[in-house]
Protein backbone atom coordinates (compact mmCIF):
# COMPACT_ATOMS: atom_id res chain seq x y z
CA MET A 1 -0.05 -0.35 -0.35
CA LYS A 2 2.73 2.43 0.98
CA ARG A 3 4.54 1.92 -2.80
CA ILE A 4 0.74 2.83 -4.53
CA LEU A 5 0.85 5.65 -2.37
CA LEU A 6 4.32 6.39 -3.19
CA ALA A 7 4.17 6.09 -6.84
CA LEU A 8 1.11 8.31 -6.98
CA ALA A 9 2.79 10.98 -5.44
CA PHE A 10 5.64 10.84 -7.52
CA ALA A 11 2.82 10.94 -10.00
CA VAL A 12 1.81 14.07 -9.18
CA ALA A 13 4.76 15.78 -8.41
CA ALA A 14 6.20 14.95 -12.06
CA VAL A 15 2.74 16.09 -13.69
CA ALA A 16 2.69 19.40 -11.60
CA ALA A 17 6.50 20.18 -12.42
CA PRO A 18 6.67 22.93 -14.26
CA LYS A 19 8.43 23.22 -17.91
CA PRO A 20 12.28 24.58 -16.98
CA ALA A 21 13.50 28.11 -17.86
CA THR A 22 14.83 28.42 -21.16
CA ASN A 23 15.29 32.03 -22.32
CA LYS A 24 18.57 34.14 -22.17
CA LEU A 25 16.46 37.51 -21.42
CA CYS A 26 14.83 38.59 -18.57
CA PRO A 27 10.92 39.06 -20.07
CA VAL A 28 10.84 42.45 -18.56
CA LEU A 29 13.65 44.23 -18.52
CA GLY A 30 15.88 42.47 -21.65
CA SER A 31 18.13 42.02 -19.82
CA PRO A 32 20.49 39.18 -19.97
CA VAL A 33 20.28 36.21 -17.46
CA ASP A 34 22.31 32.97 -16.81
CA ALA A 35 21.59 29.87 -14.46
CA LYS A 36 22.25 32.15 -11.51
CA SER A 37 19.35 34.57 -11.99
CA PRO A 38 16.65 33.74 -10.14
CA ILE A 39 13.70 31.82 -11.32
CA VAL A 40 9.85 32.99 -11.21
CA VAL A 41 7.04 30.32 -12.49
CA VAL A 42 3.91 31.75 -14.76
CA LYS A 43 2.01 29.86 -16.14
CA ASP A 44 3.62 26.19 -15.65
CA GLN A 45 6.03 27.94 -16.97
CA GLN A 46 9.58 28.76 -15.16
CA TYR A 47 11.22 32.05 -16.32
CA ARG A 48 14.62 33.81 -15.37
CA ILE A 49 14.23 37.03 -14.09
CA CYS A 50 17.12 39.73 -13.62
CA CYS A 51 15.82 41.08 -10.29
CA ALA A 52 12.73 40.90 -7.97
CA MET A 53 10.88 43.83 -9.58
CA CYS A 54 10.55 41.98 -12.66
CA GLU A 55 8.94 38.89 -10.68
CA ALA A 56 5.81 41.31 -9.40
CA GLU A 57 5.19 42.71 -13.11
CA LEU A 58 6.06 39.06 -14.79
CA LYS A 59 3.36 37.91 -12.24
CA GLY A 60 1.05 40.73 -12.27
CA ASN A 61 0.77 41.35 -15.81
CA PRO A 62 2.27 37.65 -17.74
CA ASP A 63 -0.07 38.70 -21.11
CA LYS A 64 2.36 41.79 -21.58
CA PHE A 65 5.41 39.97 -21.12
CA LEU A 66 4.77 36.70 -22.93
CA LYS A 67 3.16 35.15 -26.04
CA PRO A 68 -0.38 32.99 -25.96
CA ASP A 69 2.37 29.91 -26.16
CA GLY A 70 4.47 31.18 -23.21
CA THR A 71 7.45 32.42 -25.31
CA PRO A 72 8.52 35.60 -23.80
CA ARG A 73 7.76 38.52 -26.34
CA ASN A 74 11.36 39.59 -26.13
CA ALA A 75 12.62 36.82 -27.73
CA LYS A 76 14.75 36.27 -30.49
């Protein structure tokens, strides 16, 4: 029984995990970001951002900075 519950817990966690960040520029300010940059989750997708201000902006108005498919509007 414990194995079944553990398997279900892992399955739920795998489904709920957001897609990893792949952006090279902050979606808000357009500043370069890297592996050490903070990460924010918006609409089940991770995005690297340059600062805490950008986190609030991105979470508060994601449609301004993200295309309908989740790609940052400033992505090349």
